[in-house]
Amino acid sequence: QVRLIESGGGLVQAGGSLRLSCAASGRTFSVYGMGWFRQAPGKEREYVATITWTNRENYADSVKGRFTISRDNAKNTVYLQMNSLKPEDTAVYYCAADRRPYYSGSFSDDGGDFGSWGQGTQVTVSS
């Protein structure tokens, strides 16, 4: 079982930027896809972005052009660079790891492909 620890959340004004990090341990990081999801108070968990082990990226329409997912396999870390933040981006952000090694297809938006989750990091964007 992989362990995931997120960091980098905080309070930022609208238009600002934050970079979230997710450090993984417990298995070979480089051969698994990774994802970021978020959950705002009173709302369901929402897909944000994914990156396959071959570095193919995918984004939710709501963050496309503003957020960038990346990974550093040497550091066992996946990142989420968030620019031009909006108040509606306020949520707890969760890192997740795919159940399947060497999978480079599409991921389901509901997070069902991901078997391991971090504890979450709070992002608050003030207007």
Foldseek 3Di string as FASTA:
>chain_A
DKAKAKDWADEEAAQAKIKMKIAIDDDQLLFWKKFKWWDDPPGAIWGAKIAGSVGDIDGDPVQPPFWDWDDDSVRNMIMIIGGRDDQVVWTWMKMFIFPDTNDDDDDDGNCPRTDDMYPTDTHGYHD
